[in-house]
PDB file of N, CA and C in Angstrom:
ATOM      1  N   MET A   1     -18.005  -2.934  16.674  1.00  0.00           N
ATOM      2  CA  MET A   1     -17.456  -3.928  15.788  1.00  0.00           C
ATOM      3  C   MET A   1     -15.966  -3.669  15.625  1.00  0.00           C
ATOM      4  N   ASN A   2     -15.184  -4.727  15.690  1.00  0.00           N
ATOM      5  CA  ASN A   2     -13.739  -4.647  15.509  1.00  0.00           C
ATOM      6  C   ASN A   2     -13.384  -5.090  14.090  1.00  0.00           C
ATOM      7  N   VAL A   3     -12.790  -4.180  13.340  1.00  0.00           N
ATOM      8  CA  VAL A   3     -12.408  -4.455  11.957  1.00  0.00           C
ATOM      9  C   VAL A   3     -10.884  -4.503  11.885  1.00  0.00           C
ATOM     10  N   GLY A   4     -10.363  -5.618  11.399  1.00  0.00           N
ATOM     11  CA  GLY A   4      -8.932  -5.751  11.182  1.00  0.00           C
ATOM     12  C   GLY A   4      -8.617  -5.433   9.734  1.00  0.00           C
ATOM     13  N   ILE A   5      -7.584  -4.640   9.519  1.00  0.00           N
ATOM     14  CA  ILE A   5      -7.174  -4.302   8.158  1.00  0.00           C
ATOM     15  C   ILE A   5      -5.698  -4.631   8.013  1.00  0.00           C
ATOM     16  N   ALA A   6      -5.431  -5.672   7.237  1.00  0.00           N
ATOM     17  CA  ALA A   6      -4.057  -6.083   6.964  1.00  0.00           C
ATOM     18  C   ALA A   6      -3.554  -5.274   5.777  1.00  0.00           C
ATOM     19  N   GLY A   7      -2.412  -4.642   5.938  1.00  0.00           N
ATOM     20  CA  GLY A   7      -1.888  -3.767   4.895  1.00  0.00           C
ATOM     21  C   GLY A   7      -2.499  -2.376   4.978  1.00  0.00           C
ATOM     22  N   ILE A   8      -2.658  -1.875   6.200  1.00  0.00           N
ATOM     23  CA  ILE A   8      -3.393  -0.632   6.457  1.00  0.00           C
ATOM     24  C   ILE A   8      -2.733   0.622   5.866  1.00  0.00           C
ATOM     25  N   THR A   9      -1.486   0.546   5.470  1.00  0.00           N
ATOM     26  CA  THR A   9      -0.822   1.746   4.949  1.00  0.00           C
ATOM     27  C   THR A   9      -0.999   1.923   3.443  1.00  0.00           C
ATOM     28  N   GLY A  10      -1.632   0.963   2.789  1.00  0.00           N
ATOM     29  CA  GLY A  10      -1.833   1.062   1.340  1.00  0.00           C
ATOM     30  C   GLY A  10      -2.957   2.015   0.965  1.00  0.00           C
ATOM     31  N   LYS A  11      -3.025   2.338  -0.315  1.00  0.00           N
ATOM     32  CA  LYS A  11      -3.982   3.323  -0.823  1.00  0.00           C
ATOM     33  C   LYS A  11      -5.439   2.908  -0.591  1.00  0.00           C
ATOM     34  N   PHE A  12      -5.782   1.671  -0.944  1.00  0.00           N
ATOM     35  CA  PHE A  12      -7.160   1.219  -0.731  1.00  0.00           C
ATOM     36  C   PHE A  12      -7.501   1.208   0.754  1.00  0.00           C
ATOM     37  N   ALA A  13      -6.579   0.723   1.573  1.00  0.00           N
ATOM     38  CA  ALA A  13      -6.810   0.664   3.014  1.00  0.00           C
ATOM     39  C   ALA A  13      -7.026   2.056   3.598  1.00  0.00           C
ATOM     40  N   ARG A  14      -6.271   3.028   3.133  1.00  0.00           N
ATOM     41  CA  ARG A  14      -6.447   4.400   3.631  1.00  0.00           C
ATOM     42  C   ARG A  14      -7.853   4.905   3.338  1.00  0.00           C
ATOM     43  N   ARG A  15      -8.362   4.609   2.172  1.00  0.00           N
ATOM     44  CA  ARG A  15      -9.731   5.027   1.826  1.00  0.00           C
ATOM     45  C   ARG A  15     -10.749   4.310   2.706  1.00  0.00           C
ATOM     46  N   LEU A  16     -10.529   3.028   2.922  1.00  0.00           N
ATOM     47  CA  LEU A  16     -11.431   2.240   3.757  1.00  0.00           C
ATOM     48  C   LEU A  16     -11.433   2.757   5.197  1.00  0.00           C
ATOM     49  N   VAL A  17     -10.263   3.007   5.748  1.00  0.00           N
ATOM     50  CA  VAL A  17     -10.170   3.498   7.123  1.00  0.00           C
ATOM     51  C   VAL A  17     -10.819   4.873   7.246  1.00  0.00           C
ATOM     52  N   THR A  18     -10.588   5.734   6.287  1.00  0.00           N
ATOM     53  CA  THR A  18     -11.208   7.064   6.305  1.00  0.00           C
ATOM     54  C   THR A  18     -12.725   6.932   6.376  1.00  0.00           C
ATOM     55  N   TYR A  19     -13.277   6.020   5.602  1.00  0.00           N
ATOM     56  CA  TYR A  19     -14.723   5.777   5.621  1.00  0.00           C
ATOM     57  C   TYR A  19     -15.169   5.216   6.979  1.00  0.00           C
ATOM     58  N   LEU A  20     -14.450   4.223   7.478  1.00  0.00           N
ATOM     59  CA  LEU A  20     -14.834   3.581   8.739  1.00  0.00           C
ATOM     60  C   LEU A  20     -14.732   4.519   9.935  1.00  0.00           C
ATOM     61  N   LEU A  21     -13.798   5.450   9.906  1.00  0.00           N
ATOM     62  CA  LEU A  21     -13.650   6.387  11.019  1.00  0.00           C
ATOM     63  C   LEU A  21     -14.869   7.294  11.186  1.00  0.00           C
ATOM     64  N   GLU A  22     -15.659   7.435  10.140  1.00  0.00           N
ATOM     65  CA  GLU A  22     -16.868   8.249  10.207  1.00  0.00           C
ATOM     66  C   GLU A  22     -18.024   7.500  10.862  1.00  0.00           C
ATOM     67  N   LYS A  23     -17.885   6.204  11.052  1.00  0.00           N
ATOM     68  CA  LYS A  23     -18.952   5.369  11.598  1.00  0.00           C
ATOM     69  C   LYS A  23     -18.821   5.232  13.117  1.00  0.00           C
ATOM     70  N   ASP A  24     -19.948   5.097  13.768  1.00  0.00           N
ATOM     71  CA  ASP A  24     -19.963   4.863  15.210  1.00  0.00           C
ATOM     72  C   ASP A  24     -19.710   3.382  15.493  1.00  0.00           C
ATOM     73  N   ASN A  25     -19.222   3.111  16.663  1.00  0.00           N
ATOM     74  CA  ASN A  25     -19.045   1.745  17.159  1.00  0.00           C
ATOM     75  C   ASN A  25     -18.136   0.879  16.289  1.00  0.00           C
ATOM     76  N   ILE A  26     -17.154   1.493  15.662  1.00  0.00           N
ATOM     77  CA  ILE A  26     -16.171   0.748  14.867  1.00  0.00           C
ATOM     78  C   ILE A  26     -14.789   1.006  15.463  1.00  0.00           C
ATOM     79  N   SER A  27     -14.083  -0.074  15.749  1.00  0.00           N
ATOM     80  CA  SER A  27     -12.683   0.004  16.153  1.00  0.00           C
ATOM     81  C   SER A  27     -11.875  -0.666  15.059  1.00  0.00           C
ATOM     82  N   ILE A  28     -10.713  -0.106  14.768  1.00  0.00           N
ATOM     83  CA  ILE A  28      -9.897  -0.610  13.668  1.00  0.00           C
ATOM     84  C   ILE A  28      -8.551  -1.061  14.210  1.00  0.00           C
ATOM     85  N   LEU A  29      -8.197  -2.280  13.853  1.00  0.00           N
ATOM     86  CA  LEU A  29      -6.896  -2.822  14.186  1.00  0.00           C
ATOM     87  C   LEU A  29      -6.135  -2.967  12.875  1.00  0.00           C
ATOM     88  N   GLY A  30      -5.049  -2.227  12.736  1.00  0.00           N
ATOM     89  CA  GLY A  30      -4.288  -2.239  11.498  1.00  0.00           C
ATOM     90  C   GLY A  30      -3.013  -3.038  11.619  1.00  0.00           C
ATOM     91  N   TYR A  31      -2.696  -3.786  10.576  1.00  0.00           N
ATOM     92  CA  TYR A  31      -1.499  -4.622  10.527  1.00  0.00           C
ATOM     93  C   TYR A  31      -0.611  -4.102   9.401  1.00  0.00           C
ATOM     94  N   CYS A  32       0.647  -3.815   9.716  1.00  0.00           N
ATOM     95  CA  CYS A  32       1.533  -3.260   8.696  1.00  0.00           C
ATOM     96  C   CYS A  32       2.985  -3.522   9.046  1.00  0.00           C
ATOM     97  N   ARG A  33       3.850  -3.340   8.057  1.00  0.00           N
ATOM     98  CA  ARG A  33       5.291  -3.468   8.283  1.00  0.00           C
ATOM     99  C   ARG A  33       5.862  -2.201   8.893  1.00  0.00           C
ATOM    100  N   LYS A  34       5.420  -1.044   8.373  1.00  0.00           N
ATOM    101  CA  LYS A  34       6.000   0.230   8.785  1.00  0.00           C
ATOM    102  C   LYS A  34       4.909   1.205   9.233  1.00  0.00           C
ATOM    103  N   PRO A  35       4.643   1.281  10.529  1.00  0.00           N
ATOM    104  CA  PRO A  35       3.620   2.208  11.020  1.00  0.00           C
ATOM    105  C   PRO A  35       3.916   3.661  10.667  1.00  0.00           C
ATOM    106  N   SER A  36       5.177   3.973  10.404  1.00  0.00           N
ATOM    107  CA  SER A  36       5.526   5.349  10.041  1.00  0.00           C
ATOM    108  C   SER A  36       4.850   5.763   8.733  1.00  0.00           C
ATOM    109  N   LYS A  37       4.442   4.792   7.924  1.00  0.00           N
ATOM    110  CA  LYS A  37       3.750   5.097   6.666  1.00  0.00           C
ATOM    111  C   LYS A  37       2.258   5.386   6.872  1.00  0.00           C
ATOM    112  N   ALA A  38       1.745   5.084   8.054  1.00  0.00           N
ATOM    113  CA  ALA A  38       0.318   5.305   8.329  1.00  0.00           C
ATOM    114  C   ALA A  38       0.017   6.793   8.406  1.00  0.00           C
ATOM    115  N   SER A  39      -1.163   7.138   8.011  1.00  0.00           N
ATOM    116  CA  SER A  39      -1.633   8.523   8.063  1.00  0.00           C
ATOM    117  C   SER A  39      -1.564   9.044   9.496  1.00  0.00           C
ATOM    118  N   GLU A  40      -1.186  10.301   9.635  1.00  0.00           N
ATOM    119  CA  GLU A  40      -1.140  10.920  10.967  1.00  0.00           C
ATOM    120  C   GLU A  40      -2.527  10.906  11.609  1.00  0.00           C
ATOM    121  N   ALA A  41      -3.564  11.068  10.803  1.00  0.00           N
ATOM    122  CA  ALA A  41      -4.937  11.037  11.325  1.00  0.00           C
ATOM    123  C   ALA A  41      -5.258   9.668  11.916  1.00  0.00           C
ATOM    124  N   PHE A  42      -4.781   8.610  11.271  1.00  0.00           N
ATOM    125  CA  PHE A  42      -5.017   7.264  11.791  1.00  0.00           C
ATOM    126  C   PHE A  42      -4.277   7.069  13.103  1.00  0.00           C
ATOM    127  N   LYS A  43      -3.018   7.496  13.121  1.00  0.00           N
ATOM    128  CA  LYS A  43      -2.197   7.320  14.325  1.00  0.00           C
ATOM    129  C   LYS A  43      -2.752   8.124  15.501  1.00  0.00           C
ATOM    130  N   ALA A  44      -3.396   9.243  15.220  1.00  0.00           N
ATOM    131  CA  ALA A  44      -3.937  10.098  16.270  1.00  0.00           C
ATOM    132  C   ALA A  44      -5.311   9.647  16.748  1.00  0.00           C
ATOM    133  N   SER A  45      -5.975   8.804  15.974  1.00  0.00           N
ATOM    134  CA  SER A  45      -7.336   8.392  16.313  1.00  0.00           C
ATOM    135  C   SER A  45      -7.349   7.351  17.425  1.00  0.00           C
ATOM    136  N   SER A  46      -8.240   7.534  18.359  1.00  0.00           N
ATOM    137  CA  SER A  46      -8.408   6.548  19.442  1.00  0.00           C
ATOM    138  C   SER A  46      -9.119   5.300  18.930  1.00  0.00           C
ATOM    139  N   LYS A  47      -9.654   5.351  17.720  1.00  0.00           N
ATOM    140  CA  LYS A  47     -10.370   4.211  17.136  1.00  0.00           C
ATOM    141  C   LYS A  47      -9.437   3.284  16.355  1.00  0.00           C
ATOM    142  N   VAL A  48      -8.158   3.676  16.212  1.00  0.00           N
ATOM    143  CA  VAL A  48      -7.211   2.892  15.408  1.00  0.00           C
ATOM    144  C   VAL A  48      -6.046   2.436  16.275  1.00  0.00           C
ATOM    145  N   GLU A  49      -5.742   1.159  16.178  1.00  0.00           N
ATOM    146  CA  GLU A  49      -4.552   0.596  16.821  1.00  0.00           C
ATOM    147  C   GLU A  49      -3.723  -0.072  15.738  1.00  0.00           C
ATOM    148  N   LEU A  50      -2.428   0.157  15.740  1.00  0.00           N
ATOM    149  CA  LEU A  50      -1.545  -0.413  14.728  1.00  0.00           C
ATOM    150  C   LEU A  50      -0.659  -1.495  15.322  1.00  0.00           C
ATOM    151  N   ILE A  51      -0.523  -2.571  14.570  1.00  0.00           N
ATOM    152  CA  ILE A  51       0.402  -3.651  14.917  1.00  0.00           C
ATOM    153  C   ILE A  51       1.441  -3.707  13.803  1.00  0.00           C
ATOM    154  N   SER A  52       2.693  -3.670  14.184  1.00  0.00           N
ATOM    155  CA  SER A  52       3.772  -3.706  13.209  1.00  0.00           C
ATOM    156  C   SER A  52       4.478  -5.043  13.295  1.00  0.00           C
ATOM    157  N   GLU A  53       4.442  -5.790  12.189  1.00  0.00           N
ATOM    158  CA  GLU A  53       5.119  -7.082  12.157  1.00  0.00           C
ATOM    159  C   GLU A  53       5.136  -7.591  10.732  1.00  0.00           C
ATOM    160  N   ASP A  54       5.929  -8.588  10.502  1.00  0.00           N
ATOM    161  CA  ASP A  54       6.033  -9.249   9.218  1.00  0.00           C
ATOM    162  C   ASP A  54       4.747 -10.027   8.929  1.00  0.00           C
ATOM    163  N   ALA A  55       4.329 -10.057   7.684  1.00  0.00           N
ATOM    164  CA  ALA A  55       3.095 -10.753   7.293  1.00  0.00           C
ATOM    165  C   ALA A  55       3.194 -12.264   7.444  1.00  0.00           C
ATOM    166  N   PHE A  56       4.396 -12.777   7.657  1.00  0.00           N
ATOM    167  CA  PHE A  56       4.599 -14.213   7.718  1.00  0.00           C
ATOM    168  C   PHE A  56       4.809 -14.723   9.145  1.00  0.00           C
ATOM    169  N   ASP A  57       4.698 -13.853  10.125  1.00  0.00           N
ATOM    170  CA  ASP A  57       4.853 -14.247  11.525  1.00  0.00           C
ATOM    171  C   ASP A  57       3.526 -14.829  12.015  1.00  0.00           C
ATOM    172  N   ARG A  58       3.438 -16.141  12.016  1.00  0.00           N
ATOM    173  CA  ARG A  58       2.186 -16.845  12.312  1.00  0.00           C
ATOM    174  C   ARG A  58       1.559 -16.416  13.643  1.00  0.00           C
ATOM    175  N   ASP A  59       2.352 -16.323  14.691  1.00  0.00           N
ATOM    176  CA  ASP A  59       1.808 -15.982  16.007  1.00  0.00           C
ATOM    177  C   ASP A  59       1.229 -14.565  16.019  1.00  0.00           C
ATOM    178  N   THR A  60       1.929 -13.631  15.396  1.00  0.00           N
ATOM    179  CA  THR A  60       1.443 -12.250  15.380  1.00  0.00           C
ATOM    180  C   THR A  60       0.218 -12.114  14.486  1.00  0.00           C
ATOM    181  N   VAL A  61       0.200 -12.817  13.361  1.00  0.00           N
ATOM    182  CA  VAL A  61      -0.978 -12.780  12.486  1.00  0.00           C
ATOM    183  C   VAL A  61      -2.188 -13.320  13.241  1.00  0.00           C
ATOM    184  N   ARG A  62      -2.017 -14.404  13.944  1.00  0.00           N
ATOM    185  CA  ARG A  62      -3.129 -14.973  14.720  1.00  0.00           C
ATOM    186  C   ARG A  62      -3.572 -14.015  15.828  1.00  0.00           C
ATOM    187  N   SER A  63      -2.623 -13.373  16.474  1.00  0.00           N
ATOM    188  CA  SER A  63      -2.945 -12.395  17.507  1.00  0.00           C
ATOM    189  C   SER A  63      -3.710 -11.218  16.920  1.00  0.00           C
ATOM    190  N   PHE A  64      -3.308 -10.782  15.732  1.00  0.00           N
ATOM    191  CA  PHE A  64      -3.995  -9.697  15.029  1.00  0.00           C
ATOM    192  C   PHE A  64      -5.442 -10.074  14.725  1.00  0.00           C
ATOM    193  N   VAL A  65      -5.652 -11.264  14.221  1.00  0.00           N
ATOM    194  CA  VAL A  65      -6.986 -11.724  13.815  1.00  0.00           C
ATOM    195  C   VAL A  65      -7.894 -11.937  15.027  1.00  0.00           C
ATOM    196  N   GLN A  66      -7.315 -12.441  16.110  1.00  0.00           N
ATOM    197  CA  GLN A  66      -8.101 -12.733  17.321  1.00  0.00           C
ATOM    198  C   GLN A  66      -8.804 -11.469  17.811  1.00  0.00           C
ATOM    199  N   GLY A  67     -10.066 -11.560  18.051  1.00  0.00           N
ATOM    200  CA  GLY A  67     -10.811 -10.414  18.560  1.00  0.00           C
ATOM    201  C   GLY A  67     -11.435  -9.545  17.488  1.00  0.00           C
ATOM    202  N   CYS A  68     -11.105  -9.806  16.221  1.00  0.00           N
ATOM    203  CA  CYS A  68     -11.737  -9.049  15.133  1.00  0.00           C
ATOM    204  C   CYS A  68     -13.045  -9.736  14.728  1.00  0.00           C
ATOM    205  N   HIS A  69     -14.003  -8.936  14.351  1.00  0.00           N
ATOM    206  CA  HIS A  69     -15.242  -9.488  13.819  1.00  0.00           C
ATOM    207  C   HIS A  69     -15.105  -9.778  12.334  1.00  0.00           C
ATOM    208  N   VAL A  70     -14.313  -8.966  11.676  1.00  0.00           N
ATOM    209  CA  VAL A  70     -14.052  -9.122  10.245  1.00  0.00           C
ATOM    210  C   VAL A  70     -12.636  -8.633   9.968  1.00  0.00           C
ATOM    211  N   VAL A  71     -11.976  -9.264   8.994  1.00  0.00           N
ATOM    212  CA  VAL A  71     -10.637  -8.851   8.577  1.00  0.00           C
ATOM    213  C   VAL A  71     -10.664  -8.590   7.079  1.00  0.00           C
ATOM    214  N   VAL A  72     -10.115  -7.455   6.691  1.00  0.00           N
ATOM    215  CA  VAL A  72     -10.000  -7.092   5.282  1.00  0.00           C
ATOM    216  C   VAL A  72      -8.526  -7.130   4.919  1.00  0.00           C
ATOM    217  N   CYS A  73      -8.196  -7.838   3.848  1.00  0.00           N
ATOM    218  CA  CYS A  73      -6.813  -7.908   3.395  1.00  0.00           C
ATOM    219  C   CYS A  73      -6.594  -6.878   2.299  1.00  0.00           C
ATOM    220  N   CYS A  74      -5.694  -5.949   2.554  1.00  0.00           N
ATOM    221  CA  CYS A  74      -5.345  -4.904   1.579  1.00  0.00           C
ATOM    222  C   CYS A  74      -3.887  -5.014   1.183  1.00  0.00           C
ATOM    223  N   TYR A  75      -3.346  -6.228   1.235  1.00  0.00           N
ATOM    224  CA  TYR A  75      -1.957  -6.432   0.855  1.00  0.00           C
ATOM    225  C   TYR A  75      -1.756  -6.099  -0.620  1.00  0.00           C
ATOM    226  N   LEU A  76      -0.605  -5.545  -0.913  1.00  0.00           N
ATOM    227  CA  LEU A  76      -0.157  -5.334  -2.287  1.00  0.00           C
ATOM    228  C   LEU A  76       1.355  -5.419  -2.254  1.00  0.00           C
ATOM    229  N   GLY A  77       1.885  -6.405  -2.944  1.00  0.00           N
ATOM    230  CA  GLY A  77       3.333  -6.566  -2.908  1.00  0.00           C
ATOM    231  C   GLY A  77       3.797  -7.660  -3.835  1.00  0.00           C
ATOM    232  N   ASN A  78       4.915  -8.259  -3.495  1.00  0.00           N
ATOM    233  CA  ASN A  78       5.492  -9.295  -4.334  1.00  0.00           C
ATOM    234  C   ASN A  78       4.681 -10.588  -4.255  1.00  0.00           C
ATOM    235  N   GLN A  79       5.068 -11.555  -5.075  1.00  0.00           N
ATOM    236  CA  GLN A  79       4.323 -12.810  -5.157  1.00  0.00           C
ATOM    237  C   GLN A  79       4.289 -13.546  -3.820  1.00  0.00           C
ATOM    238  N   LYS A  80       5.374 -13.502  -3.066  1.00  0.00           N
ATOM    239  CA  LYS A  80       5.402 -14.186  -1.759  1.00  0.00           C
ATOM    240  C   LYS A  80       4.350 -13.602  -0.815  1.00  0.00           C
ATOM    241  N   LEU A  81       4.259 -12.275  -0.770  1.00  0.00           N
ATOM    242  CA  LEU A  81       3.245 -11.640   0.080  1.00  0.00           C
ATOM    243  C   LEU A  81       1.844 -11.975  -0.409  1.00  0.00           C
ATOM    244  N   MET A  82       1.652 -11.866  -1.703  1.00  0.00           N
ATOM    245  CA  MET A  82       0.314 -12.057  -2.253  1.00  0.00           C
ATOM    246  C   MET A  82      -0.172 -13.501  -2.124  1.00  0.00           C
ATOM    247  N   LEU A  83       0.727 -14.459  -2.137  1.00  0.00           N
ATOM    248  CA  LEU A  83       0.320 -15.858  -1.993  1.00  0.00           C
ATOM    249  C   LEU A  83       0.480 -16.350  -0.557  1.00  0.00           C
ATOM    250  N   ASP A  84       1.706 -16.346  -0.073  1.00  0.00           N
ATOM    251  CA  ASP A  84       1.980 -16.909   1.250  1.00  0.00           C
ATOM    252  C   ASP A  84       1.446 -16.022   2.374  1.00  0.00           C
ATOM    253  N   GLY A  85       1.599 -14.710   2.229  1.00  0.00           N
ATOM    254  CA  GLY A  85       1.109 -13.792   3.258  1.00  0.00           C
ATOM    255  C   GLY A  85      -0.415 -13.844   3.390  1.00  0.00           C
ATOM    256  N   GLN A  86      -1.089 -13.853   2.249  1.00  0.00           N
ATOM    257  CA  GLN A  86      -2.551 -13.930   2.300  1.00  0.00           C
ATOM    258  C   GLN A  86      -3.013 -15.286   2.819  1.00  0.00           C
ATOM    259  N   LYS A  87      -2.304 -16.346   2.449  1.00  0.00           N
ATOM    260  CA  LYS A  87      -2.667 -17.676   2.962  1.00  0.00           C
ATOM    261  C   LYS A  87      -2.534 -17.727   4.479  1.00  0.00           C
ATOM    262  N   GLU A  88      -1.472 -17.140   5.002  1.00  0.00           N
ATOM    263  CA  GLU A  88      -1.287 -17.091   6.458  1.00  0.00           C
ATOM    264  C   GLU A  88      -2.466 -16.377   7.121  1.00  0.00           C
ATOM    265  N   LEU A  89      -2.880 -15.277   6.533  1.00  0.00           N
ATOM    266  CA  LEU A  89      -4.004 -14.497   7.058  1.00  0.00           C
ATOM    267  C   LEU A  89      -5.316 -15.278   6.950  1.00  0.00           C
ATOM    268  N   ILE A  90      -5.548 -15.905   5.817  1.00  0.00           N
ATOM    269  CA  ILE A  90      -6.775 -16.692   5.616  1.00  0.00           C
ATOM    270  C   ILE A  90      -6.824 -17.869   6.579  1.00  0.00           C
ATOM    271  N   ASP A  91      -5.700 -18.572   6.723  1.00  0.00           N
ATOM    272  CA  ASP A  91      -5.657 -19.710   7.651  1.00  0.00           C
ATOM    273  C   ASP A  91      -5.974 -19.268   9.077  1.00  0.00           C
ATOM    274  N   ALA A  92      -5.413 -18.128   9.500  1.00  0.00           N
ATOM    275  CA  ALA A  92      -5.688 -17.625  10.849  1.00  0.00           C
ATOM    276  C   ALA A  92      -7.173 -17.278  11.002  1.00  0.00           C
ATOM    277  N   CYS A  93      -7.747 -16.664   9.994  1.00  0.00           N
ATOM    278  CA  CYS A  93      -9.173 -16.301  10.053  1.00  0.00           C
ATOM    279  C   CYS A  93     -10.041 -17.558  10.133  1.00  0.00           C
ATOM    280  N   GLU A  94      -9.713 -18.561   9.332  1.00  0.00           N
ATOM    281  CA  GLU A  94     -10.486 -19.807   9.366  1.00  0.00           C
ATOM    282  C   GLU A  94     -10.354 -20.502  10.717  1.00  0.00           C
ATOM    283  N   ASP A  95      -9.127 -20.598  11.221  1.00  0.00           N
ATOM    284  CA  ASP A  95      -8.894 -21.281  12.506  1.00  0.00           C
ATOM    285  C   ASP A  95      -9.621 -20.578  13.653  1.00  0.00           C
ATOM    286  N   LEU A  96      -9.698 -19.251  13.583  1.00  0.00           N
ATOM    287  CA  LEU A  96     -10.285 -18.468  14.682  1.00  0.00           C
ATOM    288  C   LEU A  96     -11.729 -18.033  14.395  1.00  0.00           C
ATOM    289  N   HIS A  97     -12.283 -18.525  13.289  1.00  0.00           N
ATOM    290  CA  HIS A  97     -13.683 -18.252  12.926  1.00  0.00           C
ATOM    291  C   HIS A  97     -13.990 -16.769  12.770  1.00  0.00           C
ATOM    292  N   VAL A  98     -13.127 -16.106  12.014  1.00  0.00           N
ATOM    293  CA  VAL A  98     -13.291 -14.681  11.728  1.00  0.00           C
ATOM    294  C   VAL A  98     -13.652 -14.537  10.261  1.00  0.00           C
ATOM    295  N   SER A  99     -14.616 -13.674   9.959  1.00  0.00           N
ATOM    296  CA  SER A  99     -15.043 -13.477   8.565  1.00  0.00           C
ATOM    297  C   SER A  99     -13.995 -12.751   7.765  1.00  0.00           C
TER     298      SER A  99
END
């Protein structure tokens, strides 16, 4: 199963990824602004791939969502991110039929 995690460098996302890394047959695709903030364990894991881009880049968000079975949004930020960024992510998930 391919799990996409938007905002993978945040506190909740780190806990979620730590849990998912213990499971078999799970691949994690992480979306973030600054991969340097990601845990060294995540960066070293063959089960985790990081994509670095702005939350408002429609093409990259769609590319991130494509191929995921499920996407979890762990964004935490200003009002623009929380409204417009999440809407961009939700629209991509709906268009591409991702849970």
